[in-house]
PDB file of all heavy atoms in Angstrom:
ATOM      1  N   VAL A   1      49.406  -4.095 -54.483  1.00  0.00           N
ATOM      2  CA  VAL A   1      49.888  -2.714 -54.358  1.00  0.00           C
ATOM      3  C   VAL A   1      48.842  -1.735 -54.900  1.00  0.00           C
ATOM      4  O   VAL A   1      48.580  -0.674 -54.308  1.00  0.00           O
ATOM      5  CB  VAL A   1      51.227  -2.552 -55.102  1.00  0.00           C
ATOM      6  CG1 VAL A   1      51.592  -1.082 -55.253  1.00  0.00           C
ATOM      7  CG2 VAL A   1      52.334  -3.290 -54.364  1.00  0.00           C
ATOM      8  N   VAL A   2      48.215  -2.101 -56.029  1.00  0.00           N
ATOM      9  CA  VAL A   2      47.162  -1.250 -56.586  1.00  0.00           C
ATOM     10  C   VAL A   2      45.995  -1.115 -55.613  1.00  0.00           C
ATOM     11  O   VAL A   2      45.494  -0.008 -55.376  1.00  0.00           O
ATOM     12  CB  VAL A   2      46.664  -1.833 -57.934  1.00  0.00           C
ATOM     13  CG1 VAL A   2      45.443  -1.063 -58.429  1.00  0.00           C
ATOM     14  CG2 VAL A   2      47.766  -1.794 -58.986  1.00  0.00           C
ATOM     15  N   ALA A   3      45.573  -2.236 -55.018  1.00  0.00           N
ATOM     16  CA  ALA A   3      44.449  -2.215 -54.077  1.00  0.00           C
ATOM     17  C   ALA A   3      44.769  -1.361 -52.854  1.00  0.00           C
ATOM     18  O   ALA A   3      43.931  -0.578 -52.385  1.00  0.00           O
ATOM     19  CB  ALA A   3      44.100  -3.643 -53.658  1.00  0.00           C
ATOM     20  N   VAL A   4      45.983  -1.490 -52.319  1.00  0.00           N
ATOM     21  CA  VAL A   4      46.376  -0.697 -51.160  1.00  0.00           C
ATOM     22  C   VAL A   4      46.356   0.789 -51.493  1.00  0.00           C
ATOM     23  O   VAL A   4      45.920   1.624 -50.687  1.00  0.00           O
ATOM     24  CB  VAL A   4      47.785  -1.121 -50.671  1.00  0.00           C
ATOM     25  CG1 VAL A   4      48.318  -0.123 -49.646  1.00  0.00           C
ATOM     26  CG2 VAL A   4      47.740  -2.514 -50.048  1.00  0.00           C
ATOM     27  N   SER A   5      46.788   1.131 -52.705  1.00  0.00           N
ATOM     28  CA  SER A   5      46.774   2.538 -53.115  1.00  0.00           C
ATOM     29  C   SER A   5      45.373   3.093 -53.160  1.00  0.00           C
ATOM     30  O   SER A   5      45.126   4.237 -52.741  1.00  0.00           O
ATOM     31  CB  SER A   5      47.448   2.677 -54.498  1.00  0.00           C
ATOM     32  OG  SER A   5      48.767   2.223 -54.486  1.00  0.00           O
ATOM     33  N   LEU A   6      44.430   2.300 -53.640  1.00  0.00           N
ATOM     34  CA  LEU A   6      43.043   2.747 -53.692  1.00  0.00           C
ATOM     35  C   LEU A   6      42.467   2.950 -52.291  1.00  0.00           C
ATOM     36  O   LEU A   6      41.744   3.926 -52.052  1.00  0.00           O
ATOM     37  CB  LEU A   6      42.203   1.732 -54.460  1.00  0.00           C
ATOM     38  CG  LEU A   6      42.545   1.560 -55.945  1.00  0.00           C
ATOM     39  CD1 LEU A   6      41.722   0.434 -56.566  1.00  0.00           C
ATOM     40  CD2 LEU A   6      42.331   2.847 -56.716  1.00  0.00           C
ATOM     41  N   VAL A   7      42.787   2.056 -51.381  1.00  0.00           N
ATOM     42  CA  VAL A   7      42.302   2.188 -49.997  1.00  0.00           C
ATOM     43  C   VAL A   7      42.936   3.414 -49.329  1.00  0.00           C
ATOM     44  O   VAL A   7      42.263   4.150 -48.580  1.00  0.00           O
ATOM     45  CB  VAL A   7      42.606   0.918 -49.188  1.00  0.00           C
ATOM     46  CG1 VAL A   7      42.213   1.110 -47.716  1.00  0.00           C
ATOM     47  CG2 VAL A   7      41.885  -0.277 -49.775  1.00  0.00           C
ATOM     48  N   LEU A   8      44.198   3.675 -49.629  1.00  0.00           N
ATOM     49  CA  LEU A   8      44.883   4.851 -49.057  1.00  0.00           C
ATOM     50  C   LEU A   8      44.181   6.147 -49.482  1.00  0.00           C
ATOM     51  O   LEU A   8      44.122   7.108 -48.712  1.00  0.00           O
ATOM     52  CB  LEU A   8      46.347   4.870 -49.471  1.00  0.00           C
ATOM     53  CG  LEU A   8      47.308   4.033 -48.627  1.00  0.00           C
ATOM     54  CD1 LEU A   8      48.685   3.982 -49.300  1.00  0.00           C
ATOM     55  CD2 LEU A   8      47.442   4.616 -47.230  1.00  0.00           C
ATOM     56  N   GLY A   9      43.667   6.173 -50.712  1.00  0.00           N
ATOM     57  CA  GLY A   9      42.945   7.360 -51.157  1.00  0.00           C
ATOM     58  C   GLY A   9      41.717   7.633 -50.315  1.00  0.00           C
ATOM     59  O   GLY A   9      41.422   8.779 -49.967  1.00  0.00           O
ATOM     60  N   VAL A  10      40.979   6.581 -49.981  1.00  0.00           N
ATOM     61  CA  VAL A  10      39.799   6.717 -49.120  1.00  0.00           C
ATOM     62  C   VAL A  10      40.206   7.201 -47.733  1.00  0.00           C
ATOM     63  O   VAL A  10      39.618   8.130 -47.168  1.00  0.00           O
ATOM     64  CB  VAL A  10      39.033   5.384 -49.035  1.00  0.00           C
ATOM     65  CG1 VAL A  10      37.876   5.505 -48.046  1.00  0.00           C
ATOM     66  CG2 VAL A  10      38.515   4.974 -50.401  1.00  0.00           C
ATOM     67  N   MET A  11      41.237   6.561 -47.160  1.00  0.00           N
ATOM     68  CA  MET A  11      41.688   6.916 -45.823  1.00  0.00           C
ATOM     69  C   MET A  11      42.268   8.324 -45.771  1.00  0.00           C
ATOM     70  O   MET A  11      42.269   8.973 -44.731  1.00  0.00           O
ATOM     71  CB  MET A  11      42.730   5.902 -45.347  1.00  0.00           C
ATOM     72  CG  MET A  11      42.225   4.466 -45.268  1.00  0.00           C
ATOM     73  SD  MET A  11      40.725   4.312 -44.264  1.00  0.00           S
ATOM     74  CE  MET A  11      41.361   4.903 -42.688  1.00  0.00           C
ATOM     75  N   PHE A  12      42.723   8.800 -46.914  1.00  0.00           N
ATOM     76  CA  PHE A  12      43.308  10.130 -46.997  1.00  0.00           C
ATOM     77  C   PHE A  12      42.246  11.222 -46.838  1.00  0.00           C
ATOM     78  O   PHE A  12      42.480  12.257 -46.234  1.00  0.00           O
ATOM     79  CB  PHE A  12      44.016  10.262 -48.349  1.00  0.00           C
ATOM     80  CG  PHE A  12      44.477  11.647 -48.697  1.00  0.00           C
ATOM     81  CD1 PHE A  12      45.483  12.272 -47.994  1.00  0.00           C
ATOM     82  CD2 PHE A  12      43.888  12.330 -49.745  1.00  0.00           C
ATOM     83  CE1 PHE A  12      45.898  13.557 -48.323  1.00  0.00           C
ATOM     84  CE2 PHE A  12      44.284  13.603 -50.085  1.00  0.00           C
ATOM     85  CZ  PHE A  12      45.299  14.223 -49.364  1.00  0.00           C
ATOM     86  N   VAL A  13      41.029  10.953 -47.360  1.00  0.00           N
ATOM     87  CA  VAL A  13      40.017  12.001 -47.432  1.00  0.00           C
ATOM     88  C   VAL A  13      38.970  11.914 -46.318  1.00  0.00           C
ATOM     89  O   VAL A  13      38.431  12.936 -45.889  1.00  0.00           O
ATOM     90  CB  VAL A  13      39.331  11.992 -48.819  1.00  0.00           C
ATOM     91  CG1 VAL A  13      38.167  12.963 -48.866  1.00  0.00           C
ATOM     92  CG2 VAL A  13      40.335  12.326 -49.904  1.00  0.00           C
ATOM     93  N   ILE A  14      38.683  10.704 -45.806  1.00  0.00           N
ATOM     94  CA  ILE A  14      37.561  10.588 -44.859  1.00  0.00           C
ATOM     95  C   ILE A  14      37.736  11.426 -43.582  1.00  0.00           C
ATOM     96  O   ILE A  14      36.738  11.895 -43.034  1.00  0.00           O
ATOM     97  CB  ILE A  14      37.251   9.129 -44.491  1.00  0.00           C
ATOM     98  CG1 ILE A  14      38.448   8.445 -43.819  1.00  0.00           C
ATOM     99  CG2 ILE A  14      36.789   8.349 -45.686  1.00  0.00           C
ATOM    100  CD1 ILE A  14      38.100   7.075 -43.235  1.00  0.00           C
ATOM    101  N   PRO A  15      38.980  11.677 -43.068  1.00  0.00           N
ATOM    102  CA  PRO A  15      39.053  12.477 -41.854  1.00  0.00           C
ATOM    103  C   PRO A  15      39.028  13.981 -42.093  1.00  0.00           C
ATOM    104  O   PRO A  15      39.210  14.746 -41.165  1.00  0.00           O
ATOM    105  CB  PRO A  15      40.388  12.058 -41.243  1.00  0.00           C
ATOM    106  CG  PRO A  15      41.241  11.723 -42.407  1.00  0.00           C
ATOM    107  CD  PRO A  15      40.307  11.155 -43.432  1.00  0.00           C
ATOM    108  N   ILE A  16      38.781  14.400 -43.325  1.00  0.00           N
ATOM    109  CA  ILE A  16      38.823  15.827 -43.670  1.00  0.00           C
ATOM    110  C   ILE A  16      37.390  16.341 -43.787  1.00  0.00           C
ATOM    111  O   ILE A  16      36.559  15.750 -44.492  1.00  0.00           O
ATOM    112  CB  ILE A  16      39.579  16.054 -44.975  1.00  0.00           C
ATOM    113  CG1 ILE A  16      41.020  15.508 -44.862  1.00  0.00           C
ATOM    114  CG2 ILE A  16      39.611  17.534 -45.330  1.00  0.00           C
ATOM    115  CD1 ILE A  16      41.800  15.579 -46.129  1.00  0.00           C
ATOM    116  N   GLY A  17      37.091  17.431 -43.084  1.00  0.00           N
ATOM    117  CA  GLY A  17      35.746  18.003 -43.080  1.00  0.00           C
ATOM    118  C   GLY A  17      35.441  18.741 -44.361  1.00  0.00           C
ATOM    119  O   GLY A  17      36.328  19.156 -45.113  1.00  0.00           O
ATOM    120  N   GLY A  18      34.128  18.938 -44.604  1.00  0.00           N
ATOM    121  CA  GLY A  18      33.687  19.607 -45.823  1.00  0.00           C
ATOM    122  C   GLY A  18      34.209  21.038 -45.943  1.00  0.00           C
ATOM    123  O   GLY A  18      34.421  21.522 -47.053  1.00  0.00           O
ATOM    124  N   GLY A  19      34.439  21.698 -44.820  1.00  0.00           N
ATOM    125  CA  GLY A  19      34.943  23.077 -44.875  1.00  0.00           C
ATOM    126  C   GLY A  19      36.358  23.179 -45.383  1.00  0.00           C
ATOM    127  O   GLY A  19      36.797  24.237 -45.812  1.00  0.00           O
ATOM    128  N   ASP A  20      37.107  22.067 -45.346  1.00  0.00           N
ATOM    129  CA  ASP A  20      38.476  22.076 -45.836  1.00  0.00           C
ATOM    130  C   ASP A  20      38.566  21.626 -47.282  1.00  0.00           C
ATOM    131  O   ASP A  20      39.672  21.417 -47.811  1.00  0.00           O
ATOM    132  CB  ASP A  20      39.340  21.129 -44.976  1.00  0.00           C
ATOM    133  CG  ASP A  20      39.668  21.733 -43.618  1.00  0.00           C
ATOM    134  OD1 ASP A  20      39.716  22.977 -43.537  1.00  0.00           O
ATOM    135  OD2 ASP A  20      39.877  20.988 -42.656  1.00  0.00           O
ATOM    136  N   MET A  21      37.425  21.491 -47.951  1.00  0.00           N
ATOM    137  CA  MET A  21      37.423  21.010 -49.336  1.00  0.00           C
ATOM    138  C   MET A  21      38.217  21.907 -50.313  1.00  0.00           C
ATOM    139  O   MET A  21      38.809  21.403 -51.254  1.00  0.00           O
ATOM    140  CB  MET A  21      35.996  20.852 -49.845  1.00  0.00           C
ATOM    141  CG  MET A  21      35.328  19.571 -49.376  1.00  0.00           C
ATOM    142  SD  MET A  21      36.221  18.068 -49.884  1.00  0.00           S
ATOM    143  CE  MET A  21      36.625  17.394 -48.280  1.00  0.00           C
ATOM    144  N   PRO A  22      38.261  23.256 -50.134  1.00  0.00           N
ATOM    145  CA  PRO A  22      39.096  24.025 -51.044  1.00  0.00           C
ATOM    146  C   PRO A  22      40.543  23.565 -51.054  1.00  0.00           C
ATOM    147  O   PRO A  22      41.176  23.480 -52.107  1.00  0.00           O
ATOM    148  CB  PRO A  22      38.958  25.474 -50.501  1.00  0.00           C
ATOM    149  CG  PRO A  22      37.653  25.488 -49.814  1.00  0.00           C
ATOM    150  CD  PRO A  22      37.481  24.131 -49.216  1.00  0.00           C
ATOM    151  N   VAL A  23      41.081  23.248 -49.868  1.00  0.00           N
ATOM    152  CA  VAL A  23      42.457  22.771 -49.782  1.00  0.00           C
ATOM    153  C   VAL A  23      42.578  21.381 -50.373  1.00  0.00           C
ATOM    154  O   VAL A  23      43.513  21.080 -51.116  1.00  0.00           O
ATOM    155  CB  VAL A  23      42.946  22.776 -48.321  1.00  0.00           C
ATOM    156  CG1 VAL A  23      44.353  22.202 -48.216  1.00  0.00           C
ATOM    157  CG2 VAL A  23      42.906  24.186 -47.754  1.00  0.00           C
ATOM    158  N   VAL A  24      41.610  20.505 -50.050  1.00  0.00           N
ATOM    159  CA  VAL A  24      41.670  19.120 -50.516  1.00  0.00           C
ATOM    160  C   VAL A  24      41.584  19.043 -52.041  1.00  0.00           C
ATOM    161  O   VAL A  24      42.354  18.317 -52.690  1.00  0.00           O
ATOM    162  CB  VAL A  24      40.545  18.279 -49.877  1.00  0.00           C
ATOM    163  CG1 VAL A  24      40.503  16.881 -50.462  1.00  0.00           C
ATOM    164  CG2 VAL A  24      40.743  18.232 -48.366  1.00  0.00           C
ATOM    165  N   ILE A  25      40.662  19.783 -52.620  1.00  0.00           N
ATOM    166  CA  ILE A  25      40.511  19.773 -54.085  1.00  0.00           C
ATOM    167  C   ILE A  25      41.770  20.280 -54.752  1.00  0.00           C
ATOM    168  O   ILE A  25      42.240  19.743 -55.758  1.00  0.00           O
ATOM    169  CB  ILE A  25      39.275  20.596 -54.501  1.00  0.00           C
ATOM    170  CG1 ILE A  25      37.997  19.844 -54.122  1.00  0.00           C
ATOM    171  CG2 ILE A  25      39.295  20.891 -55.983  1.00  0.00           C
ATOM    172  CD1 ILE A  25      36.731  20.570 -54.466  1.00  0.00           C
ATOM    173  N   SER A  26      42.346  21.354 -54.205  1.00  0.00           N
ATOM    174  CA  SER A  26      43.593  21.899 -54.747  1.00  0.00           C
ATOM    175  C   SER A  26      44.716  20.870 -54.661  1.00  0.00           C
ATOM    176  O   SER A  26      45.482  20.696 -55.610  1.00  0.00           O
ATOM    177  CB  SER A  26      43.966  23.174 -53.997  1.00  0.00           C
ATOM    178  OG  SER A  26      45.160  23.700 -54.508  1.00  0.00           O
ATOM    179  N   LEU A  27      44.820  20.195 -53.526  1.00  0.00           N
ATOM    180  CA  LEU A  27      45.881  19.189 -53.354  1.00  0.00           C
ATOM    181  C   LEU A  27      45.660  17.996 -54.280  1.00  0.00           C
ATOM    182  O   LEU A  27      46.627  17.498 -54.895  1.00  0.00           O
ATOM    183  CB  LEU A  27      45.925  18.733 -51.898  1.00  0.00           C
ATOM    184  CG  LEU A  27      47.018  17.708 -51.545  1.00  0.00           C
ATOM    185  CD1 LEU A  27      48.404  18.261 -51.857  1.00  0.00           C
ATOM    186  CD2 LEU A  27      46.917  17.303 -50.079  1.00  0.00           C
ATOM    187  N   LEU A  28      44.420  17.528 -54.398  1.00  0.00           N
ATOM    188  CA  LEU A  28      44.148  16.413 -55.293  1.00  0.00           C
ATOM    189  C   LEU A  28      44.425  16.786 -56.751  1.00  0.00           C
ATOM    190  O   LEU A  28      44.862  15.948 -57.552  1.00  0.00           O
ATOM    191  CB  LEU A  28      42.699  15.949 -55.131  1.00  0.00           C
ATOM    192  CG  LEU A  28      42.387  15.233 -53.820  1.00  0.00           C
ATOM    193  CD1 LEU A  28      40.883  15.053 -53.640  1.00  0.00           C
ATOM    194  CD2 LEU A  28      43.101  13.890 -53.746  1.00  0.00           C
ATOM    195  N   ASN A  29      44.151  18.030 -57.106  1.00  0.00           N
ATOM    196  CA  ASN A  29      44.485  18.509 -58.438  1.00  0.00           C
ATOM    197  C   ASN A  29      45.993  18.424 -58.677  1.00  0.00           C
ATOM    198  O   ASN A  29      46.448  18.001 -59.745  1.00  0.00           O
ATOM    199  CB  ASN A  29      43.994  19.948 -58.606  1.00  0.00           C
ATOM    200  CG  ASN A  29      44.305  20.495 -59.980  1.00  0.00           C
ATOM    201  OD1 ASN A  29      43.920  19.907 -60.983  1.00  0.00           O
ATOM    202  ND2 ASN A  29      44.990  21.605 -60.036  1.00  0.00           N
ATOM    203  N   SER A  30      46.751  18.811 -57.657  1.00  0.00           N
ATOM    204  CA  SER A  30      48.206  18.702 -57.761  1.00  0.00           C
ATOM    205  C   SER A  30      48.637  17.249 -57.916  1.00  0.00           C
ATOM    206  O   SER A  30      49.505  16.917 -58.735  1.00  0.00           O
ATOM    207  CB  SER A  30      48.864  19.320 -56.529  1.00  0.00           C
ATOM    208  OG  SER A  30      50.260  19.150 -56.544  1.00  0.00           O
ATOM    209  N   LEU A  31      48.028  16.362 -57.122  1.00  0.00           N
ATOM    210  CA  LEU A  31      48.380  14.949 -57.200  1.00  0.00           C
ATOM    211  C   LEU A  31      48.050  14.350 -58.560  1.00  0.00           C
ATOM    212  O   LEU A  31      48.784  13.494 -59.074  1.00  0.00           O
ATOM    213  CB  LEU A  31      47.662  14.173 -56.094  1.00  0.00           C
ATOM    214  CG  LEU A  31      48.119  14.445 -54.651  1.00  0.00           C
ATOM    215  CD1 LEU A  31      47.285  13.642 -53.669  1.00  0.00           C
ATOM    216  CD2 LEU A  31      49.596  14.111 -54.481  1.00  0.00           C
ATOM    217  N   SER A  32      46.951  14.791 -59.161  1.00  0.00           N
ATOM    218  CA  SER A  32      46.614  14.293 -60.506  1.00  0.00           C
ATOM    219  C   SER A  32      47.682  14.692 -61.505  1.00  0.00           C
ATOM    220  O   SER A  32      48.004  13.917 -62.431  1.00  0.00           O
ATOM    221  CB  SER A  32      45.244  14.813 -60.933  1.00  0.00           C
ATOM    222  OG  SER A  32      45.275  16.202 -61.203  1.00  0.00           O
ATOM    223  N   GLY A  33      48.246  15.890 -61.347  1.00  0.00           N
ATOM    224  CA  GLY A  33      49.335  16.311 -62.230  1.00  0.00           C
ATOM    225  C   GLY A  33      50.601  15.500 -61.993  1.00  0.00           C
ATOM    226  O   GLY A  33      51.285  15.100 -62.957  1.00  0.00           O
ATOM    227  N   ILE A  34      50.925  15.261 -60.738  1.00  0.00           N
ATOM    228  CA  ILE A  34      52.114  14.461 -60.426  1.00  0.00           C
ATOM    229  C   ILE A  34      51.950  13.038 -60.962  1.00  0.00           C
ATOM    230  O   ILE A  34      52.908  12.438 -61.484  1.00  0.00           O
ATOM    231  CB  ILE A  34      52.378  14.457 -58.908  1.00  0.00           C
ATOM    232  CG1 ILE A  34      52.659  15.872 -58.419  1.00  0.00           C
ATOM    233  CG2 ILE A  34      53.534  13.533 -58.563  1.00  0.00           C
ATOM    234  CD1 ILE A  34      52.746  15.998 -56.907  1.00  0.00           C
ATOM    235  N   ALA A  35      50.746  12.491 -60.863  1.00  0.00           N
ATOM    236  CA  ALA A  35      50.475  11.158 -61.412  1.00  0.00           C
ATOM    237  C   ALA A  35      50.673  11.143 -62.920  1.00  0.00           C
ATOM    238  O   ALA A  35      51.230  10.186 -63.481  1.00  0.00           O
ATOM    239  CB  ALA A  35      49.050  10.717 -61.060  1.00  0.00           C
ATOM    240  N   ALA A  36      50.231  12.210 -63.599  1.00  0.00           N
ATOM    241  CA  ALA A  36      50.424  12.287 -65.051  1.00  0.00           C
ATOM    242  C   ALA A  36      51.904  12.356 -65.397  1.00  0.00           C
ATOM    243  O   ALA A  36      52.349  11.734 -66.373  1.00  0.00           O
ATOM    244  CB  ALA A  36      49.694  13.500 -65.595  1.00  0.00           C
ATOM    245  N   ALA A  37      52.674  13.103 -64.602  1.00  0.00           N
ATOM    246  CA  ALA A  37      54.123  13.181 -64.849  1.00  0.00           C
ATOM    247  C   ALA A  37      54.771  11.821 -64.656  1.00  0.00           C
ATOM    248  O   ALA A  37      55.645  11.411 -65.445  1.00  0.00           O
ATOM    249  CB  ALA A  37      54.747  14.208 -63.910  1.00  0.00           C
ATOM    250  N   ALA A  38      54.351  11.085 -63.621  1.00  0.00           N
ATOM    251  CA  ALA A  38      54.886   9.735 -63.403  1.00  0.00           C
ATOM    252  C   ALA A  38      54.535   8.826 -64.579  1.00  0.00           C
ATOM    253  O   ALA A  38      55.355   8.009 -65.013  1.00  0.00           O
ATOM    254  CB  ALA A  38      54.338   9.161 -62.106  1.00  0.00           C
ATOM    255  N   ALA A  39      53.293   8.972 -65.105  1.00  0.00           N
ATOM    256  CA  ALA A  39      52.898   8.189 -66.275  1.00  0.00           C
ATOM    257  C   ALA A  39      53.766   8.552 -67.472  1.00  0.00           C
ATOM    258  O   ALA A  39      54.086   7.676 -68.311  1.00  0.00           O
ATOM    259  CB  ALA A  39      51.416   8.430 -66.602  1.00  0.00           C
TER     260      ALA A  39
END
């Protein structure tokens, strides 16, 4: 399950272009907070 989660992270970002990075960074920042809450 841990390995699949790591692969999903790669698959999540590779189809996103560099111009969309403001949105991606903001979303990943949100996900890091949600992960901390889960912890």
